[in-house]
Protein backbone atom coordinates (compact mmCIF):
# COMPACT_ATOMS: atom_id res chain seq x y z
CA UNK A 1 141.95 109.95 231.78
CA UNK A 2 139.61 112.34 233.49
CA UNK A 3 136.46 110.94 235.04
CA UNK A 4 133.46 111.57 232.74
CA UNK A 5 131.38 112.53 235.78
CA UNK A 6 133.78 115.38 236.49
CA UNK A 7 133.45 116.58 232.90
CA UNK A 8 129.67 116.41 233.27
CA UNK A 9 129.86 118.54 236.43
CA UNK A 10 132.15 121.10 234.82
CA UNK A 11 129.90 121.29 231.74
CA UNK A 12 126.86 121.78 233.95
CA UNK A 13 128.58 124.52 235.95
CA UNK A 14 129.64 126.34 232.78
CA UNK A 15 126.14 125.98 231.38
CA UNK A 16 124.59 127.34 234.58
CA UNK A 17 126.96 130.32 234.66
CA UNK A 18 125.97 131.41 231.14
CA UNK A 19 123.50 134.21 230.55
CA UNK A 20 119.85 133.16 230.64
CA UNK A 21 119.35 133.69 226.89
CA UNK A 22 122.06 131.19 226.01
CA UNK A 23 121.00 128.76 228.73
CA UNK A 24 117.57 128.50 227.17
CA UNK A 25 119.06 126.49 224.34
CA UNK A 26 119.15 123.76 226.96
CA UNK A 27 120.86 120.45 226.46
CA UNK A 28 122.40 121.41 223.14
CA UNK A 29 124.62 124.01 224.77
CA UNK A 30 125.56 121.70 227.63
CA UNK A 31 126.28 118.86 225.22
CA UNK A 32 128.48 121.14 223.10
CA UNK A 33 130.33 122.34 226.20
CA UNK A 34 130.88 118.72 227.23
CA UNK A 35 132.26 117.87 223.77
CA UNK A 36 134.62 120.84 223.80
CA UNK A 37 135.87 120.00 227.29
CA UNK A 38 136.42 116.36 226.37
CA UNK A 39 138.23 117.33 223.18
CA UNK A 40 140.51 119.85 224.86
CA UNK A 41 141.29 117.62 227.83
CA UNK A 42 142.13 114.68 225.58
CA UNK A 43 144.74 116.85 223.85
CA UNK A 44 146.58 117.31 227.12
CA UNK A 45 149.22 114.80 228.09
CA UNK A 46 147.64 113.75 231.39
CA UNK A 47 148.13 110.71 233.57
CA UNK A 48 145.85 109.30 236.19
CA UNK A 49 146.58 109.94 239.85
CA UNK A 50 147.24 106.23 240.28
CA UNK A 51 149.88 106.21 237.52
CA UNK A 52 151.43 109.37 238.98
CA UNK A 53 151.66 107.73 242.41
CA UNK A 54 153.23 104.60 240.93
CA UNK A 55 155.84 106.65 239.07
CA UNK A 56 156.56 108.66 242.22
CA UNK A 57 157.31 105.43 244.10
CA UNK A 58 159.55 104.22 241.25
CA UNK A 59 161.44 107.51 241.36
CA UNK A 60 161.89 107.29 245.14
CA UNK A 61 163.27 103.76 244.90
CA UNK A 62 165.61 104.83 242.11
CA UNK A 63 166.87 107.76 244.18
CA UNK A 64 167.49 105.45 247.14
CA UNK A 65 169.49 103.06 244.95
CA UNK A 66 171.45 105.96 243.46
CA UNK A 67 172.29 107.29 246.91
CA UNK A 68 173.45 103.84 248.03
CA UNK A 69 175.61 103.46 244.93
CA UNK A 70 177.13 106.92 245.44
CA UNK A 71 178.02 105.97 249.03
CA UNK A 72 179.59 102.69 247.90
CA UNK A 73 181.60 104.50 245.24
CA UNK A 74 182.80 107.10 247.75
CA UNK A 75 183.84 104.32 250.16
CA UNK A 76 185.72 102.49 247.40
CA UNK A 77 187.46 105.68 246.32
CA UNK A 78 188.44 106.43 249.93
CA UNK A 79 189.76 102.91 250.43
CA UNK A 80 191.69 103.04 247.15
CA UNK A 81 193.24 106.39 248.07
CA UNK A 82 194.31 105.01 251.47
CA UNK A 83 196.01 101.90 250.04
CA UNK A 84 199.61 102.18 248.86
CA UNK A 85 200.00 101.97 245.15
CA UNK A 86 200.61 98.45 243.86
CA UNK A 87 204.05 98.17 242.33
CA UNK A 88 203.69 97.55 238.68
CA UNK A 89 205.16 94.42 237.25
CA UNK A 90 207.87 95.36 234.84
CA UNK A 91 208.17 93.35 231.69
CA UNK A 92 211.28 91.27 231.50
CA UNK A 93 213.29 91.19 228.32
């Protein structure tokens, strides 16, 4: 979730950039801007930076494991290709 202080700052900046006539409505305009920002931002599918960093680390570990498994598989395939085929045991009647 976005820090409420950041929303306050954005609302204040928007309020200050409005024409003087609208700004004179004072806190009501700023409060409405804050409500609209909060509403629109809550609709977005956002994650915190901390959660993003955690998921990035999980992805990196998963990639490392995948790379290791791919190398093991390649080594096993190479070894299997180098070994002579095992004679199959024929069924006796």
